[in-house]
Protein backbone atom coordinates (compact mmCIF):
# COMPACT_ATOMS: atom_id res chain seq x y z
CA MET A 1 -9.46 -5.41 30.25
CA SER A 2 -6.66 -2.86 30.44
CA SER A 3 -7.36 0.40 32.25
CA LYS A 4 -6.51 2.21 29.02
CA GLU A 5 -9.06 0.31 26.96
CA LYS A 6 -12.03 2.30 25.73
CA VAL A 7 -15.31 1.61 27.56
CA ILE A 8 -18.01 0.68 25.05
CA PRO A 9 -21.70 1.32 25.80
CA GLN A 10 -23.63 -1.93 26.13
CA ASN A 11 -26.14 -1.08 23.38
CA GLY A 12 -23.34 -0.50 20.86
CA PHE A 13 -21.10 -3.38 21.89
CA LYS A 14 -22.48 -5.90 19.40
CA THR A 15 -22.36 -3.40 16.54
CA ILE A 16 -18.73 -2.52 17.26
CA ASN A 17 -17.84 -6.20 17.43
CA PHE A 18 -19.51 -6.70 14.06
CA ILE A 19 -17.55 -3.80 12.54
CA GLN A 20 -14.29 -5.13 13.92
CA PHE A 21 -15.05 -8.62 12.61
CA SER A 22 -15.85 -7.07 9.22
CA PHE A 23 -12.39 -5.51 9.15
CA TYR A 24 -10.80 -8.84 10.05
CA THR A 25 -12.68 -10.38 7.13
CA LEU A 26 -11.65 -7.55 4.82
CA PHE A 27 -7.96 -7.87 5.68
CA PHE A 28 -7.96 -11.65 5.49
CA VAL A 29 -10.00 -12.28 2.35
CA THR A 30 -8.98 -9.44 0.02
CA PRO A 31 -5.38 -10.54 -0.72
CA LEU A 32 -6.53 -14.13 -1.29
CA LEU A 33 -9.55 -13.41 -3.46
CA LEU A 34 -9.50 -14.25 -7.17
CA TRP A 35 -12.03 -15.60 -9.63
CA PRO A 36 -10.96 -17.26 -12.90
CA PHE A 37 -14.31 -16.65 -14.64
CA THR A 38 -14.02 -12.86 -14.87
CA SER A 39 -12.06 -11.02 -17.56
CA GLU A 40 -9.74 -9.62 -14.87
CA VAL A 41 -8.95 -12.45 -12.48
CA PHE A 42 -7.39 -10.59 -9.55
CA GLU A 43 -7.95 -6.88 -9.06
CA PHE A 44 -11.57 -6.60 -10.22
CA ASN A 45 -12.77 -9.28 -7.81
CA LYS A 46 -10.77 -7.88 -4.92
CA MET A 47 -12.26 -4.44 -5.50
CA MET A 48 -15.83 -5.72 -5.69
CA PHE A 49 -15.26 -7.31 -2.31
CA VAL A 50 -13.74 -4.09 -0.92
CA TYR A 51 -16.76 -2.09 -2.15
CA ALA A 52 -19.18 -4.61 -0.63
CA MET A 53 -17.37 -4.58 2.73
CA THR A 54 -17.30 -0.78 2.71
CA ILE A 55 -21.09 -0.73 2.35
CA ILE A 56 -21.49 -3.28 5.17
CA ILE A 57 -19.12 -1.46 7.54
CA ALA A 58 -20.61 1.97 6.83
CA ALA A 59 -24.15 0.66 7.28
CA ALA A 60 -23.18 -0.90 10.63
CA TRP A 61 -21.60 2.42 11.63
CA ALA A 62 -24.87 4.22 10.83
CA ILE A 63 -26.87 1.64 12.81
CA ARG A 64 -24.56 2.13 15.79
CA SER A 65 -25.11 5.89 15.55
CA PHE A 66 -28.88 5.43 15.76
CA GLN A 67 -28.52 2.99 18.64
CA GLU A 68 -26.44 5.43 20.67
CA LYS A 69 -28.27 8.54 19.38
CA LYS A 70 -24.98 10.17 18.45
CA PHE A 71 -22.51 10.03 15.60
CA GLU A 72 -18.92 9.38 16.62
CA ILE A 73 -15.89 9.83 14.39
CA ALA A 74 -12.29 9.95 15.56
CA ARG A 75 -10.24 13.02 14.76
CA THR A 76 -6.65 12.45 13.66
CA PRO A 77 -3.68 14.62 12.65
CA LEU A 78 -4.23 13.35 9.11
CA ASP A 79 -7.69 14.90 8.74
CA LEU A 80 -6.58 17.99 6.81
CA PRO A 81 -4.16 16.25 4.41
CA LEU A 82 -6.69 13.50 3.74
CA MET A 83 -9.44 16.01 2.96
CA LEU A 84 -7.11 18.02 0.72
CA PHE A 85 -6.10 14.87 -1.12
CA LEU A 86 -9.74 13.84 -1.54
CA THR A 87 -10.59 17.33 -2.79
CA SER A 88 -7.85 17.14 -5.41
CA GLN A 89 -9.23 13.80 -6.60
CA ILE A 90 -12.75 15.24 -6.85
CA ALA A 91 -11.52 18.28 -8.80
CA SER A 92 -9.51 16.11 -11.17
CA THR A 93 -12.56 13.89 -11.73
CA ILE A 94 -14.77 16.88 -12.54
CA PHE A 95 -12.31 18.19 -15.15
CA SER A 96 -11.37 14.72 -16.43
CA ILE A 97 -11.17 13.79 -20.10
CA ASP A 98 -13.22 10.70 -19.16
CA ARG A 99 -15.32 11.18 -16.02
CA HIS A 100 -16.59 7.60 -16.00
CA THR A 101 -13.05 6.22 -15.82
CA SER A 102 -12.04 8.81 -13.23
CA LEU A 103 -15.06 7.89 -11.12
CA TRP A 104 -14.81 4.10 -11.26
CA GLY A 105 -11.18 3.52 -12.18
CA TYR A 106 -9.47 2.01 -15.18
CA TYR A 107 -11.69 -0.36 -17.17
CA SER A 108 -11.74 -4.06 -16.26
CA ARG A 109 -10.35 -3.29 -12.79
CA PHE A 110 -12.78 -0.77 -11.29
CA HIS A 111 -10.06 0.51 -9.04
CA GLY A 112 -8.06 3.70 -8.56
CA GLY A 113 -10.93 6.04 -9.33
CA LEU A 114 -12.72 8.48 -7.05
CA VAL A 115 -15.08 5.78 -5.74
CA SER A 116 -12.24 3.60 -4.46
CA THR A 117 -10.56 6.62 -2.87
CA LEU A 118 -13.81 7.51 -1.09
CA CYS A 119 -14.06 3.93 0.13
CA TYR A 120 -10.53 4.04 1.53
CA VAL A 121 -11.19 7.31 3.35
CA ILE A 122 -14.42 5.94 4.82
CA LEU A 123 -12.71 2.73 5.88
CA PHE A 124 -9.85 4.72 7.37
CA TYR A 125 -12.15 6.64 9.70
CA ALA A 126 -14.29 3.59 10.43
CA LEU A 127 -11.21 1.64 11.51
CA VAL A 128 -9.73 4.46 13.57
CA THR A 129 -13.06 5.16 15.26
CA HIS A 130 -13.83 1.55 16.16
CA PHE A 131 -10.31 0.30 16.93
CA SER A 132 -8.97 3.28 18.87
CA GLY A 133 -8.39 2.30 22.48
CA GLN A 134 -9.08 -1.36 21.67
CA ALA A 135 -5.66 -2.99 22.13
CA LYS A 136 -7.02 -6.53 21.80
CA ALA A 137 -8.82 -5.68 18.57
CA VAL A 138 -5.66 -4.13 17.10
CA ARG A 139 -3.66 -7.25 18.02
CA ASN A 140 -6.28 -9.44 16.36
CA LEU A 141 -6.05 -7.27 13.26
CA LEU A 142 -2.27 -7.71 13.17
CA TYR A 143 -2.64 -11.48 13.57
CA THR A 144 -5.14 -11.49 10.70
CA ILE A 145 -2.73 -9.58 8.47
CA LEU A 146 0.09 -12.01 9.27
CA ALA A 147 -2.11 -15.05 8.70
CA THR A 148 -3.23 -14.04 5.22
CA ALA A 149 0.31 -12.92 4.30
CA ALA A 150 1.60 -16.33 5.36
CA ILE A 151 -0.90 -18.11 3.11
CA THR A 152 -0.07 -15.79 0.21
CA SER A 153 3.68 -16.31 0.68
CA PHE A 154 3.36 -20.08 0.99
CA TYR A 155 1.47 -20.23 -2.28
CA ALA A 156 4.21 -18.10 -3.86
CA LEU A 157 6.73 -20.77 -2.85
CA LEU A 158 4.52 -23.43 -4.42
CA GLU A 159 4.44 -21.35 -7.60
CA ARG A 160 8.22 -21.31 -7.58
CA MET A 161 8.06 -25.10 -7.56
CA GLY A 162 5.76 -25.00 -10.59
CA ILE A 163 2.43 -25.88 -9.02
CA ASP A 164 0.44 -23.74 -11.48
CA LYS A 165 2.91 -23.00 -14.29
CA HIS A 166 0.59 -24.75 -16.77
CA ILE A 167 -2.23 -22.31 -16.00
CA TRP A 168 -0.69 -18.90 -16.67
CA VAL A 169 0.63 -17.38 -19.87
CA GLN A 170 3.23 -15.54 -17.79
CA ASP A 171 6.34 -17.31 -16.55
CA VAL A 172 5.00 -17.47 -13.01
CA GLN A 173 7.67 -19.95 -11.93
CA ASN A 174 10.35 -17.39 -12.74
CA ARG A 175 8.54 -14.41 -11.19
CA VAL A 176 5.89 -15.48 -8.68
CA PHE A 177 2.78 -13.40 -8.01
CA SER A 178 0.73 -15.76 -5.82
CA THR A 179 -2.90 -14.64 -5.38
CA LEU A 180 -2.13 -11.03 -6.26
CA GLY A 181 -1.58 -11.30 -9.99
CA GLN A 182 1.54 -9.17 -10.33
CA PRO A 183 5.05 -9.71 -8.88
CA ASN A 184 5.47 -6.04 -7.94
CA TRP A 185 2.17 -6.04 -6.06
CA LEU A 186 3.14 -9.17 -4.15
CA SER A 187 6.53 -7.75 -3.17
CA ALA A 188 5.04 -4.40 -2.11
CA TYR A 189 2.41 -6.18 -0.02
CA LEU A 190 4.93 -8.40 1.77
CA VAL A 191 7.48 -5.61 2.29
CA ALA A 192 4.80 -3.59 4.07
CA ILE A 193 4.04 -6.53 6.37
CA LEU A 194 7.60 -7.77 6.92
CA PRO A 195 8.31 -5.51 9.97
CA LEU A 196 5.37 -7.06 11.81
CA SER A 197 7.10 -10.42 11.96
CA LEU A 198 10.61 -8.98 12.34
CA PHE A 199 9.80 -6.95 15.43
CA GLY A 200 7.49 -9.67 16.68
CA ALA A 201 10.47 -12.03 16.67
CA MET A 202 12.63 -9.49 18.48
CA ASN A 203 10.15 -8.38 21.13
CA THR A 204 8.14 -11.51 21.90
CA LYS A 205 9.22 -13.26 25.08
CA ASN A 206 7.32 -16.48 24.36
CA LEU A 207 9.72 -18.88 22.63
CA ASN A 208 7.07 -20.49 20.43
CA LEU A 209 5.79 -17.12 19.23
CA ARG A 210 9.33 -15.95 18.60
CA LEU A 211 10.08 -19.01 16.48
CA LEU A 212 6.81 -18.50 14.62
CA ASN A 213 7.71 -14.87 13.82
CA ILE A 214 11.18 -15.91 12.68
CA PHE A 215 9.62 -18.49 10.38
CA LEU A 216 7.17 -15.91 8.99
CA SER A 217 10.00 -13.43 8.40
CA LEU A 218 11.98 -16.02 6.43
CA LEU A 219 8.84 -16.98 4.51
CA PHE A 220 8.12 -13.35 3.55
CA LEU A 221 11.75 -12.68 2.61
CA THR A 222 11.90 -15.76 0.39
CA ALA A 223 8.66 -14.87 -1.38
CA ILE A 224 9.86 -11.29 -1.99
CA ILE A 225 13.10 -12.57 -3.52
CA PHE A 226 11.18 -14.97 -5.78
CA THR A 227 9.14 -12.06 -7.19
CA ARG A 228 12.39 -10.70 -8.66
CA SER A 229 10.93 -7.22 -8.25
CA GLN A 230 13.73 -4.63 -8.23
CA SER A 231 11.73 -2.07 -6.26
CA GLY A 232 10.44 -4.73 -3.86
CA ILE A 233 13.87 -6.22 -3.16
CA GLY A 234 15.32 -2.72 -2.77
CA ALA A 235 12.61 -1.79 -0.26
CA MET A 236 13.21 -5.09 1.55
CA ALA A 237 16.88 -4.16 1.94
CA VAL A 238 15.89 -0.79 3.40
CA VAL A 239 13.56 -2.48 5.90
CA LEU A 240 16.24 -4.97 6.95
CA ILE A 241 18.83 -2.23 7.45
CA ALA A 242 16.37 -0.12 9.46
CA PHE A 243 15.47 -3.17 11.54
CA ALA A 244 19.13 -3.96 12.24
CA VAL A 245 19.87 -0.39 13.30
CA ILE A 246 16.85 -0.13 15.60
CA ALA A 247 17.36 -3.63 17.00
CA SER A 248 21.03 -2.97 17.77
CA ILE A 249 20.13 0.28 19.55
CA GLN A 250 17.15 -1.12 21.45
CA LYS A 251 18.93 -4.30 22.51
CA LYS A 252 22.21 -2.43 23.02
CA GLN A 253 23.96 -5.08 20.96
CA ILE A 254 26.01 -3.63 18.15
CA LYS A 255 26.77 -7.16 16.99
CA ILE A 256 23.33 -7.30 15.36
CA LEU A 257 24.27 -4.42 13.08
CA LEU A 258 27.73 -5.82 12.48
CA GLY A 259 26.29 -9.23 11.66
CA LEU A 260 23.93 -7.76 9.08
CA SER A 261 26.76 -5.70 7.58
CA VAL A 262 28.88 -8.82 7.14
CA LEU A 263 25.92 -10.62 5.57
CA LEU A 264 25.26 -7.76 3.14
CA PHE A 265 28.90 -7.54 2.11
CA ALA A 266 28.96 -11.30 1.57
CA ILE A 267 25.88 -11.10 -0.65
CA LEU A 268 27.36 -8.19 -2.59
CA PHE A 269 30.57 -10.16 -3.12
CA VAL A 270 28.84 -13.36 -4.25
CA LYS A 271 26.34 -11.49 -6.43
CA SER A 272 28.72 -8.78 -7.59
CA ALA A 273 27.88 -9.33 -11.27
CA ALA A 274 24.14 -9.08 -10.62
CA VAL A 275 24.65 -5.99 -8.44
CA GLY A 276 26.72 -4.41 -11.19
CA ARG A 277 24.00 -5.05 -13.76
CA THR A 278 21.39 -3.59 -11.43
CA LEU A 279 23.41 -0.42 -10.82
CA HIS A 280 24.00 -0.05 -14.56
CA SER A 281 20.28 -0.48 -15.16
CA LEU A 282 19.39 2.08 -12.49
CA ASN A 283 21.79 4.53 -14.09
CA LYS A 284 19.55 4.59 -17.15
CA ILE A 285 16.94 6.63 -15.27
CA ASN A 286 19.61 9.20 -14.37
CA PRO A 287 18.75 12.29 -16.47
CA PHE A 288 22.43 13.27 -16.53
CA TYR A 289 23.58 9.86 -17.81
CA SER A 290 22.61 10.23 -21.48
CA ASP A 291 19.62 11.14 -23.61
CA THR A 292 16.80 8.63 -23.91
CA VAL A 293 17.13 7.86 -27.62
CA THR A 294 20.86 7.16 -27.28
CA ILE A 295 20.26 4.80 -24.36
CA ILE A 296 17.61 2.82 -26.25
CA THR A 297 19.62 2.74 -29.48
CA GLU A 298 22.79 1.51 -27.79
CA GLU A 299 20.89 -1.12 -25.85
CA ASN A 300 19.21 -2.45 -29.00
CA LYS A 301 22.61 -3.26 -30.47
CA THR A 302 23.41 -5.81 -27.77
CA ARG A 303 20.19 -6.74 -25.97
CA ILE A 304 18.85 -10.27 -25.94
CA GLY A 305 15.15 -10.49 -25.20
CA GLY A 306 13.16 -7.53 -23.89
CA SER A 307 14.37 -3.98 -23.36
CA ASP A 308 15.80 -3.00 -19.99
CA SER A 309 12.94 -2.09 -17.64
CA MET A 310 14.68 1.06 -16.44
CA ALA A 311 15.21 2.25 -19.99
CA ILE A 312 11.50 1.77 -20.68
CA ARG A 313 10.60 3.54 -17.43
CA ARG A 314 12.67 6.53 -18.45
CA VAL A 315 10.73 6.79 -21.71
CA VAL A 316 7.34 6.51 -19.96
CA TRP A 317 8.38 8.99 -17.26
CA GLN A 318 9.34 11.49 -19.93
CA GLY A 319 5.85 11.21 -21.44
CA ALA A 320 4.23 11.56 -18.00
CA LEU A 321 6.24 14.69 -17.27
CA GLU A 322 5.14 16.24 -20.56
CA LEU A 323 1.51 15.46 -19.70
CA GLY A 324 1.94 17.26 -16.39
CA LYS A 325 3.29 20.30 -18.19
CA LYS A 326 0.43 20.22 -20.68
CA TYR A 327 -2.27 19.90 -18.00
CA PRO A 328 -0.66 21.56 -14.96
CA PHE A 329 -3.69 22.25 -12.73
CA PHE A 330 -5.93 19.17 -12.59
CA GLY A 331 -4.17 16.79 -14.98
CA THR A 332 -6.04 14.73 -17.54
CA GLY A 333 -8.22 13.08 -14.92
CA VAL A 334 -7.89 10.36 -12.29
CA GLU A 335 -6.84 7.01 -13.83
CA THR A 336 -6.74 8.35 -17.41
CA PHE A 337 -3.02 7.80 -18.05
CA GLY A 338 -3.82 4.87 -20.35
CA TYR A 339 -5.72 7.26 -22.62
CA SER A 340 -3.65 10.43 -22.44
CA TYR A 341 -0.13 8.95 -22.54
CA TYR A 342 -0.41 8.64 -26.32
CA TRP A 343 -0.70 12.42 -26.60
CA THR A 344 2.84 12.91 -25.32
CA ARG A 345 4.33 9.44 -25.87
CA PRO A 346 8.02 9.88 -26.81
CA ALA A 347 9.10 8.56 -30.20
CA ALA A 348 11.80 6.55 -28.38
CA HIS A 349 9.06 4.26 -27.08
CA ASN A 350 8.77 2.80 -30.59
CA LEU A 351 12.36 1.58 -30.32
CA THR A 352 11.70 -0.57 -27.24
CA SER A 353 10.47 -4.16 -27.09
CA GLU A 354 7.23 -2.89 -25.52
CA ALA A 355 6.28 -0.53 -28.34
CA ASP A 356 2.85 -2.17 -28.67
CA PHE A 357 2.15 -2.40 -24.93
CA LEU A 358 -0.66 -0.42 -23.31
CA TYR A 359 0.64 1.66 -20.41
CA ASN A 360 -2.12 2.61 -17.99
CA LYS A 361 0.36 3.70 -15.31
CA ALA A 362 3.52 5.80 -15.34
CA HIS A 363 5.33 3.25 -13.10
CA ASN A 364 6.20 6.16 -10.83
CA GLU A 365 3.40 7.24 -8.55
CA TYR A 366 4.63 10.82 -8.23
CA LEU A 367 4.67 11.32 -12.00
CA ASN A 368 1.43 9.40 -12.31
CA PHE A 369 -0.28 11.88 -9.98
CA LEU A 370 1.29 14.78 -11.86
CA ALA A 371 0.01 13.52 -15.22
CA THR A 372 -3.50 12.56 -14.10
CA THR A 373 -4.26 15.04 -11.29
CA GLY A 374 -1.87 17.90 -12.08
CA PHE A 375 0.24 19.83 -9.63
CA LEU A 376 -2.79 20.19 -7.33
CA GLY A 377 -3.04 16.42 -6.95
CA LEU A 378 0.72 15.93 -6.71
CA PHE A 379 1.12 18.55 -3.97
CA ALA A 380 -1.86 17.11 -2.07
CA TYR A 381 -0.27 13.65 -2.30
CA LEU A 382 3.11 14.96 -1.14
CA PHE A 383 1.44 16.85 1.71
CA LEU A 384 -0.28 13.63 2.81
CA ILE A 385 3.06 11.82 2.78
CA PHE A 386 4.78 14.65 4.64
CA SER A 387 2.01 14.73 7.25
CA SER A 388 2.25 10.96 7.75
CA LEU A 389 6.01 11.24 8.22
CA ARG A 390 5.55 14.15 10.61
CA VAL A 391 3.13 12.06 12.66
CA LEU A 392 5.67 9.24 12.61
CA TYR A 393 8.59 11.32 13.79
CA SER A 394 6.59 13.23 16.37
CA ASN A 395 5.59 9.91 17.94
CA LEU A 396 8.96 8.22 17.74
CA PRO A 397 10.79 8.54 21.04
CA LYS A 398 13.82 10.77 21.13
CA ARG A 399 15.77 8.20 23.05
CA PHE A 400 15.46 4.83 21.38
CA SER A 401 17.14 2.83 24.12
CA ALA A 402 14.87 4.19 26.84
CA GLU A 403 11.53 4.69 25.14
CA LEU A 404 11.37 2.49 22.05
CA SER A 405 9.43 -0.17 23.90
CA ALA A 406 8.49 -3.56 22.59
CA GLU A 407 4.81 -2.75 22.91
CA LYS A 408 5.08 0.33 20.74
CA LEU A 409 7.05 -1.35 18.00
CA SER A 410 4.83 -4.39 18.04
CA ALA A 411 1.81 -2.15 17.59
CA ASN A 412 3.48 0.07 14.98
CA PRO A 413 5.99 -1.89 12.90
CA SER A 414 4.48 -0.60 9.68
CA LEU A 415 5.78 2.84 10.57
CA LEU A 416 9.29 1.72 9.68
CA ASP A 417 8.61 0.97 6.04
CA ARG A 418 5.51 3.06 5.35
CA HIS A 419 7.30 4.93 2.58
CA ALA A 420 10.11 2.53 1.67
CA SER A 421 8.83 1.88 -1.85
CA LEU A 422 6.41 4.79 -2.10
CA ALA A 423 7.68 6.33 -5.31
CA MET A 424 7.57 3.11 -7.29
CA THR A 425 4.42 1.47 -5.94
CA ASP A 426 0.75 2.37 -6.21
CA LEU A 427 -0.31 2.60 -2.58
CA ARG A 428 -3.95 2.42 -3.56
CA SER A 429 -3.57 -1.14 -4.79
CA PRO A 430 -6.43 -3.57 -4.24
CA LEU A 431 -4.34 -5.22 -1.58
CA ILE A 432 -5.34 -2.32 0.65
CA LEU A 433 -1.76 -1.68 1.62
CA GLY A 434 -2.78 1.74 2.77
CA PHE A 435 -4.83 0.16 5.52
CA ILE A 436 -1.68 -0.99 7.25
CA SER A 437 -0.71 2.64 7.76
CA ILE A 438 -3.99 3.15 9.60
CA LEU A 439 -2.31 1.45 12.54
CA ILE A 440 -0.25 4.62 12.89
CA THR A 441 -3.36 6.49 13.90
CA VAL A 442 -4.98 3.63 15.78
CA SER A 443 -2.21 3.03 18.26
CA SER A 444 0.23 5.91 18.31
CA VAL A 445 -1.76 9.00 17.38
CA SER A 446 -4.07 10.54 19.89
CA SER A 447 -7.45 10.39 18.19
CA SER A 448 -10.24 12.13 20.01
CA PRO A 449 -13.78 11.12 19.05
CA ILE A 450 -16.05 13.99 18.16
CA THR A 451 -19.66 13.23 18.94
CA SER A 452 -22.80 15.12 18.12
CA ALA A 453 -26.10 14.06 19.63
CA PHE A 454 -29.23 14.01 17.52
CA PRO A 455 -32.82 13.39 18.65
CA TRP A 456 -34.19 9.91 18.22
CA SER A 457 -37.17 11.32 16.36
CA MET A 458 -34.92 12.65 13.62
CA SER A 459 -35.86 11.37 10.18
CA PRO A 460 -34.18 8.13 9.08
CA TYR A 461 -33.04 9.98 5.99
CA SER A 462 -30.53 11.68 8.25
CA SER A 463 -28.40 8.59 7.65
CA PHE A 464 -27.45 10.24 4.38
CA PHE A 465 -25.32 12.59 6.45
CA PHE A 466 -23.48 9.69 8.06
CA PRO A 467 -20.74 7.74 6.23
CA PRO A 468 -22.52 7.17 2.90
CA SER A 469 -20.64 4.09 1.77
CA PHE A 470 -23.83 2.14 1.17
CA PHE A 471 -24.88 4.64 -1.51
CA LEU A 472 -21.65 4.44 -3.55
CA ILE A 473 -22.36 1.43 -5.77
C-alpha cells in the first residue's frame, strides 16, 4: 500500500469494501441495463437501478457510521455550489405547476426530478468519502468505466451492421444508440469517457496496456461517429484537439499537433460538402442570421424529409426563453417543460415537420434550467459549472511540461472534457455521466473528512440524520 493511501479502521474495512464494490456495480450495470417489458425500455429501468443502489450505498454508509461511532463525510470545494444548486431545485419543486413531476421526474422515466438530484448528491459524497485516498479503488473504478463503455461501443458497432434493425421502429442502423436508447446520449457518454483511453494510451508504459487503450479509443471514436450526433461529434473534435495540444506539450513533440492538424484538414477537404451543410445548419441558430419564421418558410420550399434540426431547436429555444421571462424566479417547476412549453410555443413550430411532437426538453440545458427553474436555478447551475472549472484550473499545473504528470492525467482525464458538450447535453442523464466528474474531487481536490463522534447508546433513529437515501423511495 502506498504511503499516501488512507488507513482504514479494521472494523470499517469490510463496509468500505462493500460500498466501493457497490459503486463498481453501479458504474458497470447502469449503462447496460434495459428491459423490453416496461413502457420505457431504457431510462426508467436504469433509474430504478440507480435508486436501488443509492439506498444500498447510503444504508452501508450509515452502518459504517454506527460501527465506527462517528459519521464521516468528505468536504470538497464544491460543497457550496452543490448545496445552492440543490436548494434551487427544492425551491422550484415547491413552486412547481406539477409537484409530483418535479419530485419524481418526467412521467415514464422517473428521472430528472428532485429525487434523482438528491440521489446524485448523496452518491457524490458517498463516493468522495469512501474513495478519497484510495488510489487502487479509483483505478478499479476507471477500469470498470472503460469496461462497460467498451461493451456499449461494441454493441453500437453491431447495430451499425444491422444486428437488431428488425426490433426498433427507429432507423438504428443509421444512427446507433446501443444500450442507451438515444444517439445523443450514447455520444455524450462516450465523449466523456474518451480521454480515459486516450491518455491511458499516451501515459502507459506497458505495451499491451497501451495497445488496449489505443483499441478502446478507436472503438469509442467509431461508435461516436456512428451516432451521427452533431453535438457529440463536435465535442469529440474538441477533446481530440485538447488531447493533441496537451500531448504535444507533455511529450515535447510538436509533430503530434502537426499530425492532427494535417488529419483534420484532410477530413475537412474530403468532407467539405458535409462541413458546409453543417455550418449552414448551425447558422440557423444565430439570432442575427434571420427571423425564425423566415428560416422555416424558406427551408420548407426545398427540404426533403424532416425539418433541419437546428431550425427546430431555434423555435424551441425561443419558447423556452419566453417561459423564463414569464416565470423568472423559480420557473414552472423541475422537469415540467413538457407541460409548460405549450404556453409559449411559437407559431413557427407548426410549420416544421415536428409540429405534432411532444417536447419535454428544450434541447439546450441552459435554457431548460431557465424555463423550469427560473433565473435562480440557472444561476445556481452556472455557479456549479464555474466552481468546477475553477477547481480544474486551480489544480492544473502552471507548467505542463514539468508538472502535468502521467499519474495525474491518468487519474483525471475527465477534467479535459467535463464541459465540452455541456450546453447541449443533459448532464443528469441516467448514464450517470456526472459521476465521472466526481473523479475531480476524488483524486485532485483536497477533501478533508469531517467527523463527529456520537455515543453508541444514541437511538437508532439517529440514522435519519445520516445520508437518508434509504428513505427516498
